[in-house]
């Protein structure tokens, strides 16, 4: 039995909305603005967890603590580089060439803020791409899909055809780890 406590999801992502609806918890969307800027010397792991928490806390403040608030953030990491959403085609080309034939890490953090503070969970998954040709990259860019995706691809869309191997959580790579989010929600059910 999953949570019956209504929550807010501090995210405009249609993919997160779709995933959260699978957990059978009543929720509404709360739009919050959080500056997504990595601090000097901040590790990728610390960065994604901080962003998820800041989104969750911003939502909690916006609704004045009316309900628990979920926030999440997903980043794509290759080596030490955090691959954000591409700025243009040249940037998407650079990113997809980096990922071509190699393994990268997708980190998704989910935070739940309640009257008791914030809980943050981090899920890391390793994704291996097949070799991509220049034509693969150009035609993929034409679909419009890479433009608003961290790492310039969406695993749940056309970009899924580039994925040779996934070691980790598919839902986390999409943007919201179902198992871990459900566990966070279970906690508040038992407290309410």
N, C-alpha and C. Protein backbone atom coordinates (compact mmCIF):
# COMPACT_ATOMS: atom_id res chain seq x y z
N UNK A 1 0.85 -1.20 0.00
CA UNK A 1 0.00 0.00 0.00
C UNK A 1 0.89 1.25 0.00
N UNK A 2 0.68 2.11 -0.98
CA UNK A 2 1.50 3.31 -1.10
C UNK A 2 0.80 4.48 -0.44
N UNK A 3 1.57 5.56 -0.32
CA UNK A 3 1.14 6.77 0.38
C UNK A 3 -0.22 7.27 -0.05
N UNK A 4 -1.01 7.71 0.91
CA UNK A 4 -2.27 8.37 0.57
C UNK A 4 -2.17 9.85 0.93
N UNK A 5 -1.03 10.24 1.51
CA UNK A 5 -0.79 11.64 1.83
C UNK A 5 -0.52 12.37 0.51
N UNK A 6 -1.23 13.48 0.27
CA UNK A 6 -1.00 14.24 -0.96
C UNK A 6 0.32 14.98 -0.86
N UNK A 7 1.04 15.04 -1.99
CA UNK A 7 2.32 15.72 -2.02
C UNK A 7 2.34 16.70 -3.20
N UNK A 8 3.36 17.54 -3.22
CA UNK A 8 3.63 18.38 -4.38
C UNK A 8 4.88 17.84 -5.05
N UNK A 9 4.90 17.93 -6.37
CA UNK A 9 6.09 17.60 -7.14
C UNK A 9 6.64 18.92 -7.67
N UNK A 10 7.83 19.29 -7.18
CA UNK A 10 8.43 20.57 -7.59
C UNK A 10 9.23 20.35 -8.88
N UNK A 11 8.49 20.13 -9.97
CA UNK A 11 9.13 19.86 -11.26
C UNK A 11 8.14 20.11 -12.38
N UNK A 12 8.64 20.70 -13.45
CA UNK A 12 7.80 20.92 -14.63
C UNK A 12 7.99 19.79 -15.64
N UNK A 13 8.81 18.80 -15.30
CA UNK A 13 9.13 17.72 -16.23
C UNK A 13 7.94 16.79 -16.45
N UNK A 14 7.49 16.66 -17.71
CA UNK A 14 6.39 15.73 -17.98
C UNK A 14 6.78 14.28 -17.68
N UNK A 15 8.09 13.98 -17.81
CA UNK A 15 8.55 12.61 -17.55
C UNK A 15 8.46 12.29 -16.06
N UNK A 16 8.82 13.25 -15.21
CA UNK A 16 8.72 13.00 -13.76
C UNK A 16 7.26 12.88 -13.34
N UNK A 17 6.42 13.71 -13.94
CA UNK A 17 4.98 13.67 -13.63
C UNK A 17 4.42 12.28 -13.98
N UNK A 18 4.80 11.78 -15.15
CA UNK A 18 4.34 10.47 -15.60
C UNK A 18 4.82 9.36 -14.67
N UNK A 19 6.09 9.43 -14.26
CA UNK A 19 6.64 8.41 -13.37
C UNK A 19 5.97 8.46 -12.00
N UNK A 20 5.81 9.67 -11.45
CA UNK A 20 5.20 9.77 -10.11
C UNK A 20 3.76 9.25 -10.12
N UNK A 21 3.07 9.44 -11.24
CA UNK A 21 1.68 8.96 -11.31
C UNK A 21 1.60 7.43 -11.21
N UNK A 22 2.70 6.74 -11.48
CA UNK A 22 2.73 5.28 -11.36
C UNK A 22 2.71 4.82 -9.90
N UNK A 23 3.06 5.73 -8.97
CA UNK A 23 3.16 5.34 -7.56
C UNK A 23 1.86 5.50 -6.79
N UNK A 24 0.80 5.88 -7.48
CA UNK A 24 -0.52 5.91 -6.84
C UNK A 24 -0.57 6.82 -5.63
N UNK A 25 0.09 7.97 -5.74
CA UNK A 25 0.06 8.96 -4.66
C UNK A 25 -0.57 10.23 -5.23
N UNK A 26 -1.53 10.82 -4.50
CA UNK A 26 -2.12 12.06 -5.01
C UNK A 26 -1.08 13.18 -5.00
N UNK A 27 -0.94 13.89 -6.13
CA UNK A 27 0.04 14.97 -6.16
C UNK A 27 -0.39 16.07 -7.13
N UNK A 28 0.16 17.24 -6.90
CA UNK A 28 -0.01 18.37 -7.79
C UNK A 28 1.38 18.89 -8.14
N UNK A 29 1.45 19.59 -9.25
CA UNK A 29 2.73 20.15 -9.71
C UNK A 29 2.91 21.54 -9.13
N UNK A 30 4.11 21.80 -8.68
CA UNK A 30 4.48 23.11 -8.15
C UNK A 30 5.69 23.56 -8.95
N UNK A 31 5.58 24.70 -9.61
CA UNK A 31 6.73 25.18 -10.41
C UNK A 31 7.62 26.06 -9.54
N UNK A 32 8.89 25.70 -9.49
CA UNK A 32 9.85 26.49 -8.72
C UNK A 32 11.05 26.83 -9.59
N UNK A 33 11.67 27.95 -9.29
CA UNK A 33 12.87 28.35 -10.02
C UNK A 33 14.08 28.19 -9.11
N UNK A 34 15.02 27.37 -9.53
CA UNK A 34 16.26 27.17 -8.78
C UNK A 34 17.41 27.34 -9.76
N UNK A 35 18.39 28.12 -9.40
CA UNK A 35 19.53 28.32 -10.29
C UNK A 35 20.36 27.04 -10.35
N UNK A 36 20.51 26.51 -11.56
CA UNK A 36 21.27 25.26 -11.73
C UNK A 36 22.70 25.60 -12.12
N UNK A 37 23.49 25.93 -11.13
CA UNK A 37 24.87 26.35 -11.36
C UNK A 37 25.78 25.58 -10.42
N UNK A 38 26.69 24.81 -10.99
CA UNK A 38 27.62 24.03 -10.16
C UNK A 38 28.63 24.97 -9.52
N UNK A 39 28.86 24.77 -8.23
CA UNK A 39 29.79 25.62 -7.50
C UNK A 39 31.23 25.14 -7.72
N UNK A 40 32.20 26.07 -7.65
CA UNK A 40 33.60 25.67 -7.83
C UNK A 40 33.99 24.57 -6.84
N UNK A 41 34.58 23.51 -7.36
CA UNK A 41 35.04 22.43 -6.50
C UNK A 41 33.94 21.48 -6.04
N UNK A 42 32.70 21.73 -6.46
CA UNK A 42 31.58 20.88 -6.04
C UNK A 42 31.58 19.60 -6.88
N UNK A 43 31.54 18.44 -6.24
CA UNK A 43 31.51 17.18 -6.98
C UNK A 43 30.16 17.03 -7.67
N UNK A 44 30.13 16.20 -8.71
CA UNK A 44 28.88 15.94 -9.43
C UNK A 44 27.81 15.40 -8.47
N UNK A 45 28.23 14.48 -7.60
CA UNK A 45 27.28 13.85 -6.65
C UNK A 45 26.68 14.90 -5.71
N UNK A 46 27.55 15.79 -5.21
CA UNK A 46 27.09 16.83 -4.29
C UNK A 46 26.17 17.81 -5.02
N UNK A 47 26.52 18.12 -6.26
CA UNK A 47 25.77 19.07 -7.08
C UNK A 47 24.33 18.60 -7.32
N UNK A 48 24.17 17.36 -7.79
CA UNK A 48 22.83 16.87 -8.11
C UNK A 48 21.97 16.74 -6.85
N UNK A 49 22.59 16.35 -5.73
CA UNK A 49 21.84 16.23 -4.48
C UNK A 49 21.42 17.61 -3.96
N UNK A 50 22.32 18.58 -4.11
CA UNK A 50 21.99 19.94 -3.67
C UNK A 50 20.82 20.50 -4.50
N UNK A 51 20.86 20.29 -5.82
CA UNK A 51 19.79 20.81 -6.66
C UNK A 51 18.44 20.18 -6.32
N UNK A 52 18.41 18.87 -6.12
CA UNK A 52 17.16 18.20 -5.76
C UNK A 52 16.61 18.76 -4.45
N UNK A 53 17.52 18.94 -3.48
CA UNK A 53 17.10 19.47 -2.18
C UNK A 53 16.62 20.92 -2.31
N UNK A 54 17.34 21.73 -3.09
CA UNK A 54 16.94 23.13 -3.25
C UNK A 54 15.57 23.24 -3.91
N UNK A 55 15.28 22.38 -4.88
CA UNK A 55 13.97 22.38 -5.54
C UNK A 55 12.88 22.00 -4.55
N UNK A 56 13.16 20.97 -3.76
CA UNK A 56 12.21 20.48 -2.77
C UNK A 56 11.94 21.53 -1.69
N UNK A 57 13.01 22.16 -1.20
CA UNK A 57 12.88 23.19 -0.16
C UNK A 57 12.16 24.44 -0.71
N UNK A 58 12.49 24.82 -1.95
CA UNK A 58 11.83 25.97 -2.58
C UNK A 58 10.32 25.70 -2.71
N UNK A 59 9.97 24.47 -3.05
CA UNK A 59 8.56 24.09 -3.15
C UNK A 59 7.88 24.13 -1.79
N UNK A 60 8.58 23.63 -0.78
CA UNK A 60 8.06 23.63 0.60
C UNK A 60 7.78 25.05 1.07
N UNK A 61 8.71 25.95 0.75
CA UNK A 61 8.52 27.36 1.13
C UNK A 61 7.38 27.99 0.34
N UNK A 62 7.28 27.65 -0.95
CA UNK A 62 6.23 28.21 -1.81
C UNK A 62 4.83 27.81 -1.34
N UNK A 63 4.70 26.57 -0.86
CA UNK A 63 3.37 26.12 -0.41
C UNK A 63 3.22 26.32 1.10
N UNK A 64 4.20 26.98 1.70
CA UNK A 64 4.21 27.28 3.15
C UNK A 64 3.99 26.04 4.00
N UNK A 65 4.61 24.94 3.55
CA UNK A 65 4.56 23.71 4.34
C UNK A 65 3.21 23.03 4.35
N UNK A 66 2.38 23.35 3.36
CA UNK A 66 1.03 22.75 3.31
C UNK A 66 1.08 21.24 3.10
N UNK A 67 2.06 20.79 2.33
CA UNK A 67 2.21 19.36 2.02
C UNK A 67 3.69 19.02 1.86
N UNK A 68 4.02 17.74 1.98
CA UNK A 68 5.39 17.32 1.66
C UNK A 68 5.68 17.64 0.19
N UNK A 69 6.93 17.98 -0.10
CA UNK A 69 7.32 18.34 -1.47
C UNK A 69 8.48 17.48 -1.96
N UNK A 70 8.28 16.90 -3.14
CA UNK A 70 9.33 16.12 -3.81
C UNK A 70 10.05 17.00 -4.81
N UNK A 71 11.37 16.92 -4.81
CA UNK A 71 12.16 17.60 -5.83
C UNK A 71 13.15 16.60 -6.38
N UNK A 72 13.51 16.75 -7.65
CA UNK A 72 14.46 15.80 -8.23
C UNK A 72 15.34 16.51 -9.25
N UNK A 73 16.51 15.96 -9.46
CA UNK A 73 17.40 16.49 -10.49
C UNK A 73 18.19 15.34 -11.08
N UNK A 74 18.45 15.43 -12.38
CA UNK A 74 19.20 14.39 -13.08
C UNK A 74 20.36 15.04 -13.83
N UNK A 75 21.53 14.46 -13.69
CA UNK A 75 22.68 14.94 -14.47
C UNK A 75 23.36 13.75 -15.14
N UNK A 76 24.04 14.06 -16.23
CA UNK A 76 24.80 13.05 -16.96
C UNK A 76 26.28 13.39 -16.75
N UNK A 77 27.04 12.39 -16.33
CA UNK A 77 28.45 12.63 -16.01
C UNK A 77 29.33 11.72 -16.86
N UNK A 78 30.32 12.33 -17.52
CA UNK A 78 31.29 11.56 -18.29
C UNK A 78 32.66 11.97 -17.80
N UNK A 79 33.38 11.02 -17.21
CA UNK A 79 34.65 11.36 -16.58
C UNK A 79 34.34 12.31 -15.43
N UNK A 80 34.93 13.49 -15.45
CA UNK A 80 34.65 14.49 -14.41
C UNK A 80 33.69 15.56 -14.90
N UNK A 81 33.29 15.46 -16.17
CA UNK A 81 32.46 16.51 -16.74
C UNK A 81 30.97 16.25 -16.56
N UNK A 82 30.26 17.27 -16.09
CA UNK A 82 28.80 17.20 -16.00
C UNK A 82 28.26 17.71 -17.33
N UNK A 83 27.52 16.84 -18.02
CA UNK A 83 26.99 17.19 -19.34
C UNK A 83 25.56 17.72 -19.18
N UNK A 84 25.42 19.02 -19.32
CA UNK A 84 24.11 19.66 -19.15
C UNK A 84 23.30 19.54 -20.44
N UNK A 85 22.19 20.28 -20.50
CA UNK A 85 21.42 20.34 -21.74
C UNK A 85 22.27 21.07 -22.78
N UNK A 86 22.28 20.59 -24.02
CA UNK A 86 23.12 21.22 -25.03
C UNK A 86 22.64 22.64 -25.36
N UNK A 87 23.58 23.53 -25.62
CA UNK A 87 23.22 24.92 -25.93
C UNK A 87 22.82 25.07 -27.39
N UNK A 88 23.38 24.22 -28.26
CA UNK A 88 23.06 24.27 -29.69
C UNK A 88 23.50 22.96 -30.33
N UNK A 89 23.37 22.87 -31.66
CA UNK A 89 23.71 21.62 -32.35
C UNK A 89 25.18 21.24 -32.17
N UNK A 90 26.07 22.23 -32.24
CA UNK A 90 27.51 21.95 -32.08
C UNK A 90 27.79 21.35 -30.71
N UNK A 91 27.11 21.85 -29.69
CA UNK A 91 27.29 21.34 -28.33
C UNK A 91 26.72 19.93 -28.21
N UNK A 92 25.55 19.70 -28.80
CA UNK A 92 24.95 18.36 -28.79
C UNK A 92 25.86 17.37 -29.51
N UNK A 93 26.47 17.80 -30.62
CA UNK A 93 27.42 16.96 -31.37
C UNK A 93 28.59 16.57 -30.49
N UNK A 94 29.14 17.57 -29.80
CA UNK A 94 30.29 17.34 -28.92
C UNK A 94 29.93 16.32 -27.83
N UNK A 95 28.76 16.53 -27.20
CA UNK A 95 28.32 15.65 -26.11
C UNK A 95 28.11 14.22 -26.62
N UNK A 96 27.37 14.08 -27.72
CA UNK A 96 27.05 12.75 -28.22
C UNK A 96 28.29 12.03 -28.76
N UNK A 97 29.25 12.78 -29.28
CA UNK A 97 30.52 12.17 -29.71
C UNK A 97 31.29 11.65 -28.49
N UNK A 98 31.22 12.40 -27.39
CA UNK A 98 31.87 11.94 -26.14
C UNK A 98 31.25 10.62 -25.66
N UNK A 99 29.92 10.54 -25.73
CA UNK A 99 29.21 9.37 -25.20
C UNK A 99 29.28 8.16 -26.13
N UNK A 100 29.54 8.41 -27.41
CA UNK A 100 29.56 7.36 -28.43
C UNK A 100 30.52 6.22 -28.09
N UNK A 101 29.97 5.00 -28.01
CA UNK A 101 30.78 3.82 -27.76
C UNK A 101 31.35 3.70 -26.37
N UNK A 102 30.91 4.57 -25.47
CA UNK A 102 31.48 4.58 -24.11
C UNK A 102 30.39 4.48 -23.04
N UNK A 103 30.84 4.37 -21.79
CA UNK A 103 29.92 4.29 -20.66
C UNK A 103 29.95 5.60 -19.89
N UNK A 104 28.77 6.13 -19.60
CA UNK A 104 28.67 7.33 -18.77
C UNK A 104 27.76 7.03 -17.58
N UNK A 105 27.74 7.94 -16.64
CA UNK A 105 26.93 7.76 -15.43
C UNK A 105 25.80 8.78 -15.41
N UNK A 106 24.61 8.29 -15.12
CA UNK A 106 23.47 9.19 -14.93
C UNK A 106 23.16 9.20 -13.44
N UNK A 107 23.21 10.41 -12.86
CA UNK A 107 22.92 10.55 -11.43
C UNK A 107 21.60 11.27 -11.27
N UNK A 108 20.69 10.64 -10.55
CA UNK A 108 19.42 11.29 -10.22
C UNK A 108 19.29 11.33 -8.71
N UNK A 109 19.04 12.53 -8.20
CA UNK A 109 18.79 12.70 -6.77
C UNK A 109 17.33 13.06 -6.61
N UNK A 110 16.72 12.50 -5.59
CA UNK A 110 15.34 12.86 -5.25
C UNK A 110 15.32 13.28 -3.79
N UNK A 111 14.61 14.38 -3.53
CA UNK A 111 14.54 14.92 -2.16
C UNK A 111 13.08 15.05 -1.76
N UNK A 112 12.81 14.77 -0.51
CA UNK A 112 11.47 14.95 0.04
C UNK A 112 11.59 15.86 1.27
N UNK A 113 10.91 17.00 1.20
CA UNK A 113 10.94 17.94 2.32
C UNK A 113 9.60 17.93 3.04
N UNK A 114 9.68 17.76 4.35
CA UNK A 114 8.48 17.76 5.20
C UNK A 114 8.78 18.66 6.40
N UNK A 115 7.86 18.65 7.34
CA UNK A 115 8.05 19.42 8.57
C UNK A 115 9.30 18.95 9.33
N UNK A 116 9.73 17.73 9.05
CA UNK A 116 10.92 17.17 9.72
C UNK A 116 12.23 17.43 9.00
N UNK A 117 12.18 18.25 7.92
CA UNK A 117 13.40 18.53 7.17
C UNK A 117 13.41 17.81 5.83
N UNK A 118 14.60 17.67 5.25
CA UNK A 118 14.72 17.06 3.92
C UNK A 118 15.50 15.76 3.95
N UNK A 119 14.98 14.77 3.22
CA UNK A 119 15.69 13.51 2.99
C UNK A 119 16.09 13.50 1.53
N UNK A 120 17.35 13.16 1.25
CA UNK A 120 17.82 13.11 -0.14
C UNK A 120 18.40 11.73 -0.43
N UNK A 121 18.01 11.16 -1.57
CA UNK A 121 18.53 9.87 -2.00
C UNK A 121 19.17 10.05 -3.37
N UNK A 122 20.33 9.44 -3.56
CA UNK A 122 21.04 9.53 -4.84
C UNK A 122 21.07 8.15 -5.51
N UNK A 123 20.73 8.11 -6.78
CA UNK A 123 20.77 6.87 -7.55
C UNK A 123 21.68 7.07 -8.76
N UNK A 124 22.70 6.21 -8.87
CA UNK A 124 23.65 6.31 -9.99
C UNK A 124 23.49 5.10 -10.90
N UNK A 125 23.40 5.35 -12.19
CA UNK A 125 23.26 4.27 -13.17
C UNK A 125 24.31 4.46 -14.25
N UNK A 126 24.85 3.34 -14.74
CA UNK A 126 25.84 3.40 -15.82
C UNK A 126 25.16 3.02 -17.14
N UNK A 127 25.32 3.89 -18.11
CA UNK A 127 24.70 3.70 -19.42
C UNK A 127 25.80 3.62 -20.48
N UNK A 128 25.76 2.58 -21.29
CA UNK A 128 26.73 2.40 -22.36
C UNK A 128 26.05 2.61 -23.71
N UNK A 129 26.64 3.50 -24.52
CA UNK A 129 26.13 3.78 -25.86
C UNK A 129 26.84 2.91 -26.89
N UNK A 130 26.15 2.61 -27.97
CA UNK A 130 26.81 2.02 -29.13
C UNK A 130 27.59 3.15 -29.82
N UNK A 131 28.42 2.78 -30.79
CA UNK A 131 29.14 3.80 -31.57
C UNK A 131 28.12 4.60 -32.37
N UNK A 132 28.25 5.92 -32.36
CA UNK A 132 27.34 6.78 -33.12
C UNK A 132 28.07 7.39 -34.30
N UNK A 133 27.42 7.40 -35.45
CA UNK A 133 28.01 8.03 -36.62
C UNK A 133 27.61 9.51 -36.61
N UNK A 134 28.29 10.31 -37.43
CA UNK A 134 27.94 11.73 -37.57
C UNK A 134 26.49 11.85 -38.05
N UNK A 135 26.09 10.91 -38.90
CA UNK A 135 24.72 10.91 -39.43
C UNK A 135 23.70 10.60 -38.33
N UNK A 136 24.05 9.63 -37.47
CA UNK A 136 23.17 9.31 -36.32
C UNK A 136 22.90 10.57 -35.52
N UNK A 137 23.98 11.29 -35.23
CA UNK A 137 23.91 12.47 -34.37
C UNK A 137 23.10 13.58 -35.05
N UNK A 138 23.38 13.83 -36.33
CA UNK A 138 22.67 14.89 -37.06
C UNK A 138 21.18 14.59 -37.18
N UNK A 139 20.84 13.35 -37.51
CA UNK A 139 19.42 13.03 -37.68
C UNK A 139 18.70 13.02 -36.32
N UNK A 140 19.42 12.63 -35.27
CA UNK A 140 18.81 12.66 -33.93
C UNK A 140 18.53 14.10 -33.52
N UNK A 141 19.47 15.00 -33.78
CA UNK A 141 19.27 16.42 -33.45
C UNK A 141 18.02 16.96 -34.16
N UNK A 142 17.81 16.54 -35.41
CA UNK A 142 16.66 17.00 -36.20
C UNK A 142 15.32 16.64 -35.55
N UNK A 143 15.29 15.60 -34.72
CA UNK A 143 14.02 15.20 -34.08
C UNK A 143 13.60 16.20 -33.00
N UNK A 144 14.57 17.01 -32.54
CA UNK A 144 14.26 17.98 -31.48
C UNK A 144 14.40 17.40 -30.08
N UNK A 145 14.53 16.09 -29.98
CA UNK A 145 14.58 15.45 -28.66
C UNK A 145 15.79 15.85 -27.80
N UNK A 146 17.00 15.94 -28.37
CA UNK A 146 18.17 16.21 -27.52
C UNK A 146 18.21 17.61 -26.90
N UNK A 147 17.49 18.55 -27.48
CA UNK A 147 17.63 19.96 -27.10
C UNK A 147 17.39 20.25 -25.62
N UNK A 148 16.41 19.58 -25.01
CA UNK A 148 16.10 19.90 -23.60
C UNK A 148 16.46 18.77 -22.64
N UNK A 149 17.42 17.94 -23.05
CA UNK A 149 17.79 16.79 -22.21
C UNK A 149 19.25 16.90 -21.75
N UNK A 150 19.45 16.64 -20.47
CA UNK A 150 20.82 16.55 -19.95
C UNK A 150 21.53 15.44 -20.71
N UNK A 151 22.76 15.71 -21.13
CA UNK A 151 23.50 14.69 -21.88
C UNK A 151 23.04 14.56 -23.33
N UNK A 152 22.12 15.43 -23.74
CA UNK A 152 21.64 15.51 -25.12
C UNK A 152 20.92 14.25 -25.62
N UNK A 153 20.31 13.47 -24.69
CA UNK A 153 19.50 12.34 -25.15
C UNK A 153 18.43 12.01 -24.12
N UNK A 154 17.38 11.33 -24.61
CA UNK A 154 16.33 10.84 -23.72
C UNK A 154 16.26 9.33 -23.88
N UNK A 155 16.48 8.59 -22.80
CA UNK A 155 16.49 7.12 -22.89
C UNK A 155 15.10 6.58 -23.19
N UNK A 156 14.05 7.33 -22.75
CA UNK A 156 12.68 6.87 -22.94
C UNK A 156 12.13 7.23 -24.31
N UNK A 157 12.95 7.94 -25.11
CA UNK A 157 12.51 8.35 -26.44
C UNK A 157 13.36 7.70 -27.51
N UNK A 158 13.59 8.46 -28.58
CA UNK A 158 14.36 7.98 -29.71
C UNK A 158 15.79 7.63 -29.28
N UNK A 159 16.32 8.38 -28.31
CA UNK A 159 17.68 8.16 -27.81
C UNK A 159 17.88 6.77 -27.25
N UNK A 160 16.81 6.10 -26.89
CA UNK A 160 16.90 4.74 -26.35
C UNK A 160 17.56 3.77 -27.32
N UNK A 161 17.50 4.08 -28.62
CA UNK A 161 18.09 3.15 -29.60
C UNK A 161 19.62 3.18 -29.60
N UNK A 162 20.20 4.17 -28.89
CA UNK A 162 21.66 4.25 -28.79
C UNK A 162 22.20 3.47 -27.60
N UNK A 163 21.29 3.05 -26.71
CA UNK A 163 21.71 2.43 -25.44
C UNK A 163 21.96 0.94 -25.63
N UNK A 164 23.22 0.57 -25.46
CA UNK A 164 23.64 -0.82 -25.61
C UNK A 164 23.46 -1.58 -24.30
N UNK A 165 23.72 -0.88 -23.18
CA UNK A 165 23.66 -1.54 -21.87
C UNK A 165 23.31 -0.52 -20.79
N UNK A 166 22.47 -0.95 -19.86
CA UNK A 166 22.12 -0.11 -18.71
C UNK A 166 22.34 -0.91 -17.44
N UNK A 167 23.15 -0.36 -16.55
CA UNK A 167 23.39 -1.01 -15.27
C UNK A 167 22.90 -0.03 -14.20
N UNK A 168 21.70 -0.28 -13.67
CA UNK A 168 21.14 0.63 -12.68
C UNK A 168 19.63 0.72 -12.79
N UNK A 169 19.10 1.90 -12.57
CA UNK A 169 17.65 2.11 -12.54
C UNK A 169 17.19 2.85 -13.79
N UNK A 170 16.37 2.19 -14.59
CA UNK A 170 15.84 2.82 -15.81
C UNK A 170 15.04 4.08 -15.45
N UNK A 171 14.15 3.98 -14.45
CA UNK A 171 13.31 5.13 -14.10
C UNK A 171 14.15 6.30 -13.59
N UNK A 172 15.27 6.00 -12.94
CA UNK A 172 16.17 7.07 -12.48
C UNK A 172 16.81 7.78 -13.66
N UNK A 173 17.17 7.02 -14.69
CA UNK A 173 17.77 7.63 -15.88
C UNK A 173 16.73 8.53 -16.57
N UNK A 174 15.47 8.11 -16.56
CA UNK A 174 14.41 8.93 -17.14
C UNK A 174 14.21 10.20 -16.30
N UNK A 175 14.39 10.09 -14.98
CA UNK A 175 14.28 11.30 -14.16
C UNK A 175 13.71 11.16 -12.76
N UNK A 176 13.16 9.99 -12.42
CA UNK A 176 12.63 9.80 -11.07
C UNK A 176 12.72 8.32 -10.70
N UNK A 177 13.62 7.96 -9.77
CA UNK A 177 13.77 6.54 -9.41
C UNK A 177 12.54 6.06 -8.64
N UNK A 178 11.78 5.14 -9.23
CA UNK A 178 10.51 4.72 -8.63
C UNK A 178 10.68 4.06 -7.27
N UNK A 179 11.63 3.13 -7.17
CA UNK A 179 11.80 2.40 -5.91
C UNK A 179 12.16 3.35 -4.76
N UNK A 180 13.15 4.20 -5.00
CA UNK A 180 13.62 5.09 -3.94
C UNK A 180 12.59 6.17 -3.60
N UNK A 181 11.88 6.66 -4.62
CA UNK A 181 10.84 7.66 -4.36
C UNK A 181 9.71 7.05 -3.54
N UNK A 182 9.34 5.82 -3.90
CA UNK A 182 8.30 5.11 -3.16
C UNK A 182 8.72 4.92 -1.70
N UNK A 183 9.99 4.58 -1.48
CA UNK A 183 10.48 4.39 -0.11
C UNK A 183 10.42 5.69 0.69
N UNK A 184 10.76 6.81 0.05
CA UNK A 184 10.67 8.12 0.73
C UNK A 184 9.22 8.41 1.11
N UNK A 185 8.30 8.12 0.19
CA UNK A 185 6.88 8.39 0.44
C UNK A 185 6.32 7.47 1.53
N UNK A 186 6.82 6.24 1.57
CA UNK A 186 6.37 5.29 2.61
C UNK A 186 6.68 5.84 4.00
N UNK A 187 7.84 6.50 4.12
CA UNK A 187 8.24 7.06 5.42
C UNK A 187 7.21 8.05 5.93
N UNK A 188 6.74 8.94 5.05
CA UNK A 188 5.79 9.97 5.52
C UNK A 188 4.44 9.36 5.83
N UNK A 189 4.11 8.26 5.14
CA UNK A 189 2.83 7.58 5.41
C UNK A 189 2.80 7.05 6.84
N UNK A 190 3.95 6.52 7.23
CA UNK A 190 4.01 5.90 8.56
C UNK A 190 4.09 6.95 9.66
N UNK A 191 4.47 8.20 9.26
CA UNK A 191 4.56 9.26 10.29
C UNK A 191 3.27 10.03 10.42
N UNK A 192 2.44 10.02 9.35
CA UNK A 192 1.26 10.88 9.40
C UNK A 192 0.11 10.23 10.15
